[in-house]
C-alpha cells in the first residue's frame, strides 16, 4: 500500500514532490533515467503510455482494482490534494483548485516555455498575476495548497531557466519566488535526485 512517484531530473515531477513534502505525504521516489530512455520502455509505458514523467501509482485495496495509475503533473497534484492533502472538500473548492492548476500547467507554462509567447504573453500574464499574489499567502485565499504549488513552482522556474528576465516590474512575483525558494519543503523536493 502506498504512493510511488516516477520522475526525471529537472522535470515536472518536482511539483508533486514539493506538494507531498509540504503536506507530509509519504511516498516512494523512483528516478526514471531519461538519458537511458527508461521512460520510453516497459514497464514505464504501462504506467504512462505516452512515455512522459511524472507518473504516480497509488496502491490501496480501497481503490478499484487496488491501484490507480496517473500521469500529468496537474492531474497528480489534484488527486493528491483531494485524496491525501485534505483539500477540495466541496465542488467549489475543487473548481478553484482546478482553475489554478490548469492555468499554471497550460497558460503560464506556455507563456514561459514558448519563445514566441515569452516576449508578449508572459509580461501580460505577469501584470495580471502580480496583484493577485500575496507573498507568503495563498492564491486562493486560504491556507497554502495545490493551487499555490502549481503557480509558485512555475514562477520558481524563472530564475532557473530564464535568469535574464527582469522581474522588477512585478514585485509580488519576485517576492513569491524568493519565499518559495526559502520554504524547507521546496528545498527538500528540489534536492531529490
N, C-alpha and C. Protein backbone atom coordinates (compact mmCIF):
# COMPACT_ATOMS: atom_id res chain seq x y z
N UNK A 1 0.83 -1.17 0.00
CA UNK A 1 0.00 0.00 0.00
C UNK A 1 0.88 1.24 0.00
N UNK A 2 0.52 2.24 -0.82
CA UNK A 2 1.25 3.49 -0.79
C UNK A 2 1.38 4.13 -2.15
N UNK A 3 2.03 5.28 -2.12
CA UNK A 3 2.24 6.08 -3.32
C UNK A 3 3.65 5.89 -3.85
N UNK A 4 3.76 5.79 -5.16
CA UNK A 4 5.06 5.76 -5.83
C UNK A 4 5.03 6.81 -6.92
N UNK A 5 5.98 7.74 -6.85
CA UNK A 5 6.09 8.80 -7.84
C UNK A 5 7.30 8.53 -8.72
N UNK A 6 7.08 8.57 -10.02
CA UNK A 6 8.12 8.37 -11.02
C UNK A 6 8.44 9.72 -11.66
N UNK A 7 9.73 10.02 -11.76
CA UNK A 7 10.10 11.29 -12.38
C UNK A 7 11.54 11.31 -12.82
N UNK A 8 11.88 12.34 -13.56
CA UNK A 8 13.24 12.54 -14.02
C UNK A 8 13.82 13.78 -13.40
N UNK A 9 15.11 13.94 -13.56
CA UNK A 9 15.77 15.14 -13.08
C UNK A 9 15.25 16.34 -13.85
N UNK A 10 15.07 17.45 -13.16
CA UNK A 10 14.60 18.70 -13.77
C UNK A 10 13.34 18.48 -14.60
N UNK A 11 12.38 17.78 -14.00
CA UNK A 11 11.11 17.52 -14.67
C UNK A 11 9.97 18.07 -13.82
N UNK A 12 8.78 18.01 -14.35
CA UNK A 12 7.61 18.47 -13.59
C UNK A 12 7.29 17.56 -12.41
N UNK A 13 8.03 16.50 -12.23
CA UNK A 13 7.86 15.68 -11.03
C UNK A 13 8.18 16.49 -9.78
N UNK A 14 8.92 17.60 -9.95
CA UNK A 14 9.24 18.44 -8.79
C UNK A 14 7.98 19.00 -8.14
N UNK A 15 6.94 19.24 -8.92
CA UNK A 15 5.71 19.79 -8.34
C UNK A 15 5.03 18.82 -7.38
N UNK A 16 4.74 17.58 -7.79
CA UNK A 16 4.14 16.67 -6.80
C UNK A 16 5.09 16.34 -5.64
N UNK A 17 6.40 16.31 -5.92
CA UNK A 17 7.36 16.07 -4.82
C UNK A 17 7.25 17.19 -3.79
N UNK A 18 7.18 18.44 -4.29
CA UNK A 18 7.06 19.56 -3.37
C UNK A 18 5.74 19.51 -2.61
N UNK A 19 4.66 19.25 -3.31
CA UNK A 19 3.35 19.18 -2.65
C UNK A 19 3.36 18.13 -1.54
N UNK A 20 3.88 16.95 -1.85
CA UNK A 20 3.89 15.88 -0.85
C UNK A 20 4.80 16.22 0.33
N UNK A 21 5.91 16.92 0.07
CA UNK A 21 6.78 17.35 1.17
C UNK A 21 6.07 18.36 2.06
N UNK A 22 5.37 19.32 1.46
CA UNK A 22 4.63 20.33 2.23
C UNK A 22 3.55 19.70 3.09
N UNK A 23 2.87 18.72 2.55
CA UNK A 23 1.73 18.11 3.24
C UNK A 23 2.12 16.90 4.09
N UNK A 24 3.40 16.53 4.07
CA UNK A 24 3.84 15.37 4.86
C UNK A 24 3.28 14.05 4.36
N UNK A 25 3.09 13.95 3.06
CA UNK A 25 2.55 12.73 2.46
C UNK A 25 3.71 11.79 2.12
N UNK A 26 3.68 10.60 2.66
CA UNK A 26 4.74 9.62 2.42
C UNK A 26 4.60 9.03 1.01
N UNK A 27 5.74 8.82 0.37
CA UNK A 27 5.74 8.22 -0.97
C UNK A 27 7.12 7.64 -1.25
N UNK A 28 7.16 6.75 -2.23
CA UNK A 28 8.43 6.22 -2.73
C UNK A 28 8.78 6.98 -4.00
N UNK A 29 10.03 7.34 -4.14
CA UNK A 29 10.52 8.08 -5.31
C UNK A 29 11.27 7.13 -6.22
N UNK A 30 10.89 7.10 -7.48
CA UNK A 30 11.56 6.28 -8.48
C UNK A 30 12.10 7.20 -9.56
N UNK A 31 13.40 7.34 -9.59
CA UNK A 31 14.05 8.16 -10.61
C UNK A 31 14.07 7.40 -11.93
N UNK A 32 13.50 8.01 -12.94
CA UNK A 32 13.47 7.43 -14.28
C UNK A 32 14.67 8.01 -15.04
N UNK A 33 15.52 7.15 -15.53
CA UNK A 33 16.72 7.59 -16.26
C UNK A 33 16.31 8.01 -17.67
N UNK A 34 16.12 9.31 -17.82
CA UNK A 34 15.67 9.84 -19.10
C UNK A 34 16.75 9.68 -20.17
N UNK A 35 18.01 9.81 -19.78
CA UNK A 35 19.12 9.64 -20.72
C UNK A 35 19.16 8.24 -21.32
N UNK A 36 18.80 7.25 -20.51
CA UNK A 36 18.76 5.86 -20.98
C UNK A 36 17.41 5.52 -21.60
N UNK A 37 16.53 6.52 -21.69
CA UNK A 37 15.20 6.38 -22.30
C UNK A 37 14.32 5.36 -21.58
N UNK A 38 14.49 5.25 -20.26
CA UNK A 38 13.63 4.36 -19.48
C UNK A 38 12.15 4.74 -19.59
N UNK A 39 11.89 6.03 -19.81
CA UNK A 39 10.51 6.50 -19.91
C UNK A 39 9.84 6.03 -21.20
N UNK A 40 10.62 5.52 -22.14
CA UNK A 40 10.06 5.04 -23.41
C UNK A 40 10.08 3.51 -23.50
N UNK A 41 10.28 2.85 -22.37
CA UNK A 41 10.36 1.39 -22.35
C UNK A 41 9.38 0.84 -21.32
N UNK A 42 9.03 -0.44 -21.51
CA UNK A 42 8.27 -1.12 -20.48
C UNK A 42 9.21 -1.31 -19.30
N UNK A 43 8.78 -1.30 -18.09
CA UNK A 43 7.40 -1.25 -17.63
C UNK A 43 6.84 0.17 -17.50
N UNK A 44 7.66 1.22 -17.73
CA UNK A 44 7.15 2.57 -17.54
C UNK A 44 5.99 2.88 -18.48
N UNK A 45 6.02 2.40 -19.70
CA UNK A 45 4.93 2.66 -20.64
C UNK A 45 3.60 2.05 -20.17
N UNK A 46 3.67 1.09 -19.28
CA UNK A 46 2.45 0.53 -18.70
C UNK A 46 1.81 1.52 -17.71
N UNK A 47 2.61 2.44 -17.20
CA UNK A 47 2.11 3.47 -16.29
C UNK A 47 1.64 4.68 -17.10
N UNK A 48 2.48 5.12 -18.02
CA UNK A 48 2.12 6.24 -18.90
C UNK A 48 2.45 5.85 -20.33
N UNK A 49 1.46 5.50 -21.12
CA UNK A 49 1.71 5.05 -22.48
C UNK A 49 2.34 6.13 -23.37
N UNK A 50 2.31 7.39 -22.92
CA UNK A 50 2.91 8.48 -23.69
C UNK A 50 4.39 8.66 -23.38
N UNK A 51 4.88 7.92 -22.38
CA UNK A 51 6.30 7.94 -22.07
C UNK A 51 6.80 9.25 -21.49
N UNK A 52 5.98 9.91 -20.68
CA UNK A 52 6.36 11.18 -20.07
C UNK A 52 6.34 11.05 -18.55
N UNK A 53 7.13 11.89 -17.89
CA UNK A 53 7.11 11.97 -16.43
C UNK A 53 6.54 13.32 -16.05
N UNK A 54 5.94 13.38 -14.88
CA UNK A 54 5.83 12.39 -13.83
C UNK A 54 4.68 11.41 -14.05
N UNK A 55 4.72 10.38 -13.25
CA UNK A 55 3.64 9.40 -13.18
C UNK A 55 3.52 8.97 -11.73
N UNK A 56 2.34 8.56 -11.36
CA UNK A 56 2.07 8.18 -9.98
C UNK A 56 1.29 6.88 -9.95
N UNK A 57 1.65 6.02 -9.02
CA UNK A 57 0.86 4.82 -8.73
C UNK A 57 0.44 4.91 -7.27
N UNK A 58 -0.86 4.79 -7.05
CA UNK A 58 -1.40 4.72 -5.69
C UNK A 58 -1.95 3.31 -5.53
N UNK A 59 -1.34 2.56 -4.64
CA UNK A 59 -1.75 1.19 -4.37
C UNK A 59 -2.53 1.16 -3.07
N UNK A 60 -3.78 0.76 -3.15
CA UNK A 60 -4.65 0.75 -1.98
C UNK A 60 -5.82 -0.18 -2.29
N UNK A 61 -6.06 -1.17 -1.43
CA UNK A 61 -7.18 -2.09 -1.68
C UNK A 61 -8.53 -1.39 -1.83
N UNK A 62 -8.67 -0.18 -1.28
CA UNK A 62 -9.94 0.54 -1.37
C UNK A 62 -10.19 1.11 -2.77
N UNK A 63 -9.14 1.18 -3.59
CA UNK A 63 -9.28 1.70 -4.95
C UNK A 63 -9.81 0.61 -5.88
N UNK A 64 -10.55 0.97 -6.92
CA UNK A 64 -10.99 -0.05 -7.90
C UNK A 64 -9.78 -0.77 -8.47
N UNK A 65 -9.78 -2.07 -8.37
CA UNK A 65 -8.66 -2.87 -8.84
C UNK A 65 -7.45 -2.79 -7.92
N UNK A 66 -7.57 -2.06 -6.82
CA UNK A 66 -6.49 -1.97 -5.84
C UNK A 66 -5.36 -1.00 -6.21
N UNK A 67 -5.53 -0.31 -7.35
CA UNK A 67 -4.43 0.55 -7.78
C UNK A 67 -4.94 1.62 -8.74
N UNK A 68 -4.34 2.79 -8.65
CA UNK A 68 -4.62 3.87 -9.59
C UNK A 68 -3.29 4.33 -10.19
N UNK A 69 -3.26 4.46 -11.52
CA UNK A 69 -2.08 4.96 -12.23
C UNK A 69 -2.45 6.27 -12.89
N UNK A 70 -1.66 7.29 -12.62
CA UNK A 70 -1.91 8.62 -13.16
C UNK A 70 -0.67 9.18 -13.83
N UNK A 71 -0.88 10.01 -14.85
CA UNK A 71 0.19 10.81 -15.42
C UNK A 71 -0.31 12.22 -15.57
N UNK A 72 0.55 13.14 -15.92
CA UNK A 72 0.32 14.58 -16.00
C UNK A 72 0.41 15.18 -14.60
N UNK A 73 1.34 16.12 -14.44
CA UNK A 73 1.59 16.71 -13.12
C UNK A 73 0.34 17.35 -12.53
N UNK A 74 -0.47 18.02 -13.35
CA UNK A 74 -1.68 18.65 -12.84
C UNK A 74 -2.67 17.64 -12.30
N UNK A 75 -2.88 16.56 -13.02
CA UNK A 75 -3.80 15.51 -12.56
C UNK A 75 -3.28 14.88 -11.27
N UNK A 76 -1.98 14.67 -11.20
CA UNK A 76 -1.38 14.10 -9.99
C UNK A 76 -1.58 15.05 -8.81
N UNK A 77 -1.30 16.33 -9.03
CA UNK A 77 -1.46 17.31 -7.95
C UNK A 77 -2.91 17.35 -7.45
N UNK A 78 -3.85 17.40 -8.36
CA UNK A 78 -5.26 17.47 -7.96
C UNK A 78 -5.71 16.21 -7.22
N UNK A 79 -5.24 15.07 -7.67
CA UNK A 79 -5.56 13.82 -6.99
C UNK A 79 -4.99 13.81 -5.58
N UNK A 80 -3.72 14.20 -5.46
CA UNK A 80 -3.08 14.24 -4.15
C UNK A 80 -3.80 15.21 -3.21
N UNK A 81 -4.20 16.35 -3.74
CA UNK A 81 -4.89 17.35 -2.92
C UNK A 81 -6.20 16.82 -2.37
N UNK A 82 -6.93 16.12 -3.20
CA UNK A 82 -8.23 15.63 -2.78
C UNK A 82 -8.14 14.39 -1.91
N UNK A 83 -7.29 13.46 -2.29
CA UNK A 83 -7.24 12.18 -1.57
C UNK A 83 -6.33 12.20 -0.35
N UNK A 84 -5.23 12.94 -0.43
CA UNK A 84 -4.24 12.88 0.64
C UNK A 84 -3.96 14.22 1.32
N UNK A 85 -4.35 15.32 0.70
CA UNK A 85 -4.00 16.64 1.23
C UNK A 85 -5.11 17.35 1.97
N UNK A 86 -6.25 16.70 2.14
CA UNK A 86 -7.41 17.29 2.82
C UNK A 86 -7.83 18.62 2.18
N UNK A 87 -7.77 18.69 0.86
CA UNK A 87 -8.24 19.85 0.12
C UNK A 87 -9.42 19.41 -0.75
N UNK A 88 -10.04 20.38 -1.36
CA UNK A 88 -11.13 20.13 -2.33
C UNK A 88 -12.29 19.37 -1.71
N UNK A 89 -12.73 19.83 -0.54
CA UNK A 89 -13.84 19.16 0.15
C UNK A 89 -15.18 19.43 -0.52
N UNK A 90 -15.27 20.52 -1.29
CA UNK A 90 -16.53 20.82 -1.96
C UNK A 90 -16.28 21.01 -3.45
N UNK A 91 -17.37 21.04 -4.21
CA UNK A 91 -17.25 21.26 -5.65
C UNK A 91 -16.62 22.62 -5.94
N UNK A 92 -16.96 23.62 -5.15
CA UNK A 92 -16.40 24.96 -5.35
C UNK A 92 -14.90 24.97 -5.08
N UNK A 93 -14.46 24.34 -3.99
CA UNK A 93 -13.02 24.27 -3.70
C UNK A 93 -12.28 23.51 -4.80
N UNK A 94 -12.88 22.43 -5.26
CA UNK A 94 -12.28 21.64 -6.33
C UNK A 94 -12.14 22.47 -7.60
N UNK A 95 -13.17 23.24 -7.93
CA UNK A 95 -13.15 24.07 -9.14
C UNK A 95 -12.07 25.14 -9.06
N UNK A 96 -11.91 25.77 -7.91
CA UNK A 96 -10.88 26.80 -7.76
C UNK A 96 -9.49 26.16 -7.88
N UNK A 97 -9.29 25.03 -7.26
CA UNK A 97 -8.00 24.33 -7.37
C UNK A 97 -7.73 23.95 -8.82
N UNK A 98 -8.72 23.40 -9.49
CA UNK A 98 -8.55 23.02 -10.90
C UNK A 98 -8.23 24.23 -11.76
N UNK A 99 -8.92 25.34 -11.51
CA UNK A 99 -8.69 26.56 -12.27
C UNK A 99 -7.21 26.96 -12.22
N UNK A 100 -6.64 27.01 -11.02
CA UNK A 100 -5.26 27.47 -10.87
C UNK A 100 -4.25 26.45 -11.37
N UNK A 101 -4.50 25.18 -11.14
CA UNK A 101 -3.57 24.14 -11.63
C UNK A 101 -3.57 24.13 -13.16
N UNK A 102 -4.75 24.23 -13.76
CA UNK A 102 -4.83 24.26 -15.23
C UNK A 102 -4.20 25.54 -15.78
N UNK A 103 -4.43 26.67 -15.12
CA UNK A 103 -3.80 27.92 -15.54
C UNK A 103 -2.27 27.77 -15.51
N UNK A 104 -1.75 27.22 -14.42
CA UNK A 104 -0.30 27.06 -14.29
C UNK A 104 0.27 26.16 -15.37
N UNK A 105 -0.36 24.99 -15.56
CA UNK A 105 0.20 24.00 -16.47
C UNK A 105 -0.05 24.31 -17.95
N UNK A 106 -1.08 25.07 -18.24
CA UNK A 106 -1.38 25.36 -19.65
C UNK A 106 -0.99 26.79 -20.01
N UNK A 107 -1.64 27.74 -19.40
CA UNK A 107 -1.45 29.14 -19.78
C UNK A 107 -0.08 29.68 -19.35
N UNK A 108 0.24 29.55 -18.06
CA UNK A 108 1.51 30.09 -17.56
C UNK A 108 2.71 29.35 -18.15
N UNK A 109 2.65 28.03 -18.17
CA UNK A 109 3.76 27.25 -18.71
C UNK A 109 4.00 27.57 -20.19
N UNK A 110 2.93 27.73 -20.95
CA UNK A 110 3.07 28.07 -22.37
C UNK A 110 3.72 29.43 -22.53
N UNK A 111 3.29 30.40 -21.73
CA UNK A 111 3.88 31.74 -21.81
C UNK A 111 5.35 31.73 -21.42
N UNK A 112 5.73 30.83 -20.53
CA UNK A 112 7.13 30.74 -20.10
C UNK A 112 8.01 30.03 -21.12
N UNK A 113 7.56 28.87 -21.54
CA UNK A 113 8.43 28.00 -22.30
C UNK A 113 8.28 28.10 -23.82
N UNK A 114 7.30 28.84 -24.30
CA UNK A 114 7.16 29.08 -25.73
C UNK A 114 7.84 30.41 -26.06
N UNK A 115 8.97 30.38 -26.77
CA UNK A 115 9.70 31.62 -27.04
C UNK A 115 8.87 32.70 -27.71
N UNK A 116 7.91 32.32 -28.53
CA UNK A 116 7.06 33.30 -29.20
C UNK A 116 6.15 34.04 -28.21
N UNK A 117 5.78 33.37 -27.13
CA UNK A 117 4.89 33.99 -26.14
C UNK A 117 5.63 34.66 -25.00
N UNK A 118 6.89 34.31 -24.82
CA UNK A 118 7.65 34.84 -23.70
C UNK A 118 7.79 36.37 -23.77
N UNK A 119 7.86 36.91 -24.95
CA UNK A 119 8.04 38.36 -25.09
C UNK A 119 6.72 39.12 -25.05
N UNK A 120 5.61 38.48 -25.35
CA UNK A 120 4.33 39.20 -25.40
C UNK A 120 3.36 38.72 -24.32
N UNK A 121 3.03 37.47 -24.33
CA UNK A 121 2.04 36.93 -23.40
C UNK A 121 2.57 36.87 -21.97
N UNK A 122 3.82 36.53 -21.79
CA UNK A 122 4.38 36.42 -20.44
C UNK A 122 4.27 37.74 -19.67
N UNK A 123 4.72 38.88 -20.23
CA UNK A 123 4.58 40.14 -19.49
C UNK A 123 3.11 40.49 -19.19
N UNK A 124 2.23 40.19 -20.12
CA UNK A 124 0.81 40.47 -19.89
C UNK A 124 0.30 39.65 -18.71
N UNK A 125 0.64 38.35 -18.69
CA UNK A 125 0.20 37.49 -17.59
C UNK A 125 0.79 37.94 -16.25
N UNK A 126 2.06 38.31 -16.25
CA UNK A 126 2.69 38.75 -15.01
C UNK A 126 2.01 40.02 -14.49
N UNK A 127 1.64 40.91 -15.39
CA UNK A 127 0.94 42.13 -14.99
C UNK A 127 -0.41 41.84 -14.34
N UNK A 128 -1.07 40.79 -14.78
CA UNK A 128 -2.37 40.40 -14.20
C UNK A 128 -2.19 39.57 -12.93
N UNK A 129 -1.15 38.71 -12.91
CA UNK A 129 -0.93 37.81 -11.78
C UNK A 129 -0.33 38.55 -10.58
N UNK A 130 0.56 39.50 -10.82
CA UNK A 130 1.27 40.17 -9.74
C UNK A 130 0.32 40.74 -8.67
N UNK A 131 -0.74 41.46 -9.03
CA UNK A 131 -1.62 41.99 -7.97
C UNK A 131 -2.46 40.92 -7.27
N UNK A 132 -2.55 39.74 -7.85
CA UNK A 132 -3.31 38.65 -7.22
C UNK A 132 -2.49 37.89 -6.19
N UNK A 133 -1.17 38.01 -6.29
CA UNK A 133 -0.29 37.27 -5.39
C UNK A 133 -0.14 38.02 -4.07
N UNK A 134 -0.18 37.26 -2.99
CA UNK A 134 0.10 37.78 -1.67
C UNK A 134 1.33 37.00 -1.20
N UNK A 135 2.54 37.58 -1.35
CA UNK A 135 3.74 36.83 -0.99
C UNK A 135 3.64 36.22 0.41
N UNK A 136 3.85 34.93 0.46
CA UNK A 136 3.72 34.18 1.70
C UNK A 136 2.30 33.73 1.98
N UNK A 137 1.34 34.19 1.17
CA UNK A 137 -0.05 33.80 1.33
C UNK A 137 -0.46 32.81 0.25
N UNK A 138 -1.75 32.61 0.15
CA UNK A 138 -2.28 31.64 -0.81
C UNK A 138 -3.05 32.35 -1.91
N UNK A 139 -2.86 31.90 -3.14
CA UNK A 139 -3.57 32.48 -4.29
C UNK A 139 -5.09 32.32 -4.15
N UNK A 140 -5.52 31.29 -3.44
CA UNK A 140 -6.96 31.04 -3.29
C UNK A 140 -7.53 31.66 -2.02
N UNK A 141 -6.67 32.31 -1.22
CA UNK A 141 -7.15 33.00 -0.03
C UNK A 141 -7.17 32.17 1.24
N UNK A 142 -6.99 30.88 1.14
CA UNK A 142 -6.97 30.02 2.33
C UNK A 142 -5.55 29.70 2.75
N UNK A 143 -5.36 28.47 3.17
CA UNK A 143 -4.03 28.00 3.52
C UNK A 143 -3.28 27.59 2.25
N UNK A 144 -1.95 27.48 2.36
CA UNK A 144 -1.14 27.04 1.24
C UNK A 144 -1.68 25.71 0.75
N UNK A 145 -1.78 25.56 -0.58
CA UNK A 145 -2.31 24.32 -1.11
C UNK A 145 -1.89 24.06 -2.54
N UNK A 146 -2.64 23.22 -3.19
CA UNK A 146 -2.30 22.72 -4.51
C UNK A 146 -2.21 23.85 -5.54
N UNK A 147 -3.08 24.84 -5.45
CA UNK A 147 -3.03 25.97 -6.38
C UNK A 147 -1.72 26.72 -6.24
N UNK A 148 -1.28 26.93 -5.01
CA UNK A 148 -0.02 27.63 -4.76
C UNK A 148 1.16 26.80 -5.26
N UNK A 149 1.10 25.52 -5.05
CA UNK A 149 2.16 24.64 -5.53
C UNK A 149 2.32 24.78 -7.04
N UNK A 150 1.23 24.71 -7.76
CA UNK A 150 1.29 24.78 -9.22
C UNK A 150 1.79 26.13 -9.71
N UNK A 151 1.20 27.22 -9.22
CA UNK A 151 1.59 28.56 -9.65
C UNK A 151 3.03 28.87 -9.24
N UNK A 152 3.33 28.67 -7.96
CA UNK A 152 4.64 29.06 -7.44
C UNK A 152 5.77 28.21 -7.99
N UNK A 153 5.50 26.96 -8.29
CA UNK A 153 6.53 26.11 -8.90
C UNK A 153 6.92 26.67 -10.27
N UNK A 154 5.93 27.06 -11.05
CA UNK A 154 6.23 27.62 -12.37
C UNK A 154 6.96 28.95 -12.23
N UNK A 155 6.54 29.78 -11.29
CA UNK A 155 7.25 31.04 -11.09
C UNK A 155 8.69 30.80 -10.65
N UNK A 156 8.90 29.79 -9.80
CA UNK A 156 10.25 29.49 -9.33
C UNK A 156 11.16 28.94 -10.43
N UNK A 157 10.56 28.50 -11.55
CA UNK A 157 11.37 28.09 -12.70
C UNK A 157 12.08 29.29 -13.35
N UNK A 158 11.51 30.48 -13.16
CA UNK A 158 12.05 31.66 -13.86
C UNK A 158 13.54 31.88 -13.61
N UNK A 159 14.00 31.98 -12.37
CA UNK A 159 15.44 32.22 -12.19
C UNK A 159 16.31 31.02 -12.60
N UNK A 160 15.71 29.85 -12.65
CA UNK A 160 16.46 28.66 -13.05
C UNK A 160 16.66 28.62 -14.56
N UNK A 161 15.56 28.78 -15.30
CA UNK A 161 15.61 28.63 -16.75
C UNK A 161 15.76 29.96 -17.49
N UNK A 162 15.34 31.05 -16.87
CA UNK A 162 15.35 32.35 -17.56
C UNK A 162 15.91 33.45 -16.66
N UNK A 163 17.15 33.31 -16.20
CA UNK A 163 17.70 34.32 -15.29
C UNK A 163 17.81 35.71 -15.91
N UNK A 164 17.76 35.79 -17.23
CA UNK A 164 17.87 37.08 -17.92
C UNK A 164 16.59 37.91 -17.85
N UNK A 165 15.47 37.31 -17.46
CA UNK A 165 14.21 38.06 -17.41
C UNK A 165 14.22 38.98 -16.19
N UNK A 166 13.98 40.25 -16.43
CA UNK A 166 13.89 41.25 -15.38
C UNK A 166 12.50 41.18 -14.75
N UNK A 167 12.45 40.77 -13.49
CA UNK A 167 11.17 40.62 -12.79
C UNK A 167 10.82 41.84 -11.94
N UNK A 168 11.66 42.86 -11.95
CA UNK A 168 11.43 44.02 -11.08
C UNK A 168 10.08 44.72 -11.32
N UNK A 169 9.50 44.67 -12.53
CA UNK A 169 8.18 45.29 -12.68
C UNK A 169 7.08 44.56 -11.90
N UNK A 170 7.36 43.38 -11.42
CA UNK A 170 6.37 42.57 -10.72
C UNK A 170 6.89 42.18 -9.33
N UNK A 171 6.83 43.09 -8.36
CA UNK A 171 7.42 42.84 -7.04
C UNK A 171 6.79 41.66 -6.30
N UNK A 172 5.50 41.43 -6.47
CA UNK A 172 4.88 40.29 -5.78
C UNK A 172 5.37 38.97 -6.38
N UNK A 173 5.59 38.95 -7.69
CA UNK A 173 6.15 37.76 -8.33
C UNK A 173 7.55 37.50 -7.78
N UNK A 174 8.38 38.55 -7.72
CA UNK A 174 9.74 38.41 -7.18
C UNK A 174 9.72 37.90 -5.75
N UNK A 175 8.88 38.49 -4.92
CA UNK A 175 8.80 38.07 -3.51
C UNK A 175 8.29 36.64 -3.38
N UNK A 176 7.31 36.28 -4.21
CA UNK A 176 6.78 34.92 -4.17
C UNK A 176 7.86 33.91 -4.53
N UNK A 177 8.65 34.22 -5.54
CA UNK A 177 9.74 33.32 -5.93
C UNK A 177 10.73 33.17 -4.78
N UNK A 178 11.13 34.29 -4.19
CA UNK A 178 12.10 34.24 -3.09
C UNK A 178 11.55 33.42 -1.93
N UNK A 179 10.30 33.68 -1.54
CA UNK A 179 9.72 32.96 -0.41
C UNK A 179 9.52 31.48 -0.73
N UNK A 180 9.18 31.18 -1.97
CA UNK A 180 9.06 29.77 -2.38
C UNK A 180 10.39 29.07 -2.24
N UNK A 181 11.46 29.68 -2.73
CA UNK A 181 12.78 29.07 -2.67
C UNK A 181 13.28 28.89 -1.24
N UNK A 182 12.74 29.67 -0.32
CA UNK A 182 13.15 29.57 1.09
C UNK A 182 12.37 28.50 1.86
N UNK A 183 11.31 27.99 1.29
CA UNK A 183 10.49 27.00 2.00
C UNK A 183 11.28 25.70 2.16
N UNK A 184 11.38 25.16 3.38
CA UNK A 184 12.12 23.91 3.58
C UNK A 184 11.61 22.75 2.72
N UNK A 185 10.28 22.63 2.57
CA UNK A 185 9.75 21.53 1.75
C UNK A 185 10.12 21.69 0.28
N UNK A 186 10.13 22.92 -0.20
CA UNK A 186 10.56 23.17 -1.59
C UNK A 186 12.02 22.78 -1.76
N UNK A 187 12.86 23.21 -0.82
CA UNK A 187 14.28 22.86 -0.90
C UNK A 187 14.48 21.35 -0.83
N UNK A 188 13.72 20.69 0.03
CA UNK A 188 13.80 19.22 0.13
C UNK A 188 13.42 18.56 -1.19
N UNK A 189 12.32 19.02 -1.79
CA UNK A 189 11.84 18.41 -3.03
C UNK A 189 12.81 18.65 -4.18
N UNK A 190 13.40 19.82 -4.24
CA UNK A 190 14.32 20.14 -5.33
C UNK A 190 15.65 19.41 -5.17
N UNK A 191 15.98 19.00 -3.94
CA UNK A 191 17.25 18.31 -3.70
C UNK A 191 17.18 16.84 -4.06
N UNK A 192 15.97 16.30 -4.24
CA UNK A 192 15.81 14.88 -4.58
C UNK A 192 16.32 14.65 -5.99
N UNK A 193 17.17 13.62 -6.15
CA UNK A 193 17.73 13.32 -7.47
C UNK A 193 16.81 12.55 -8.35
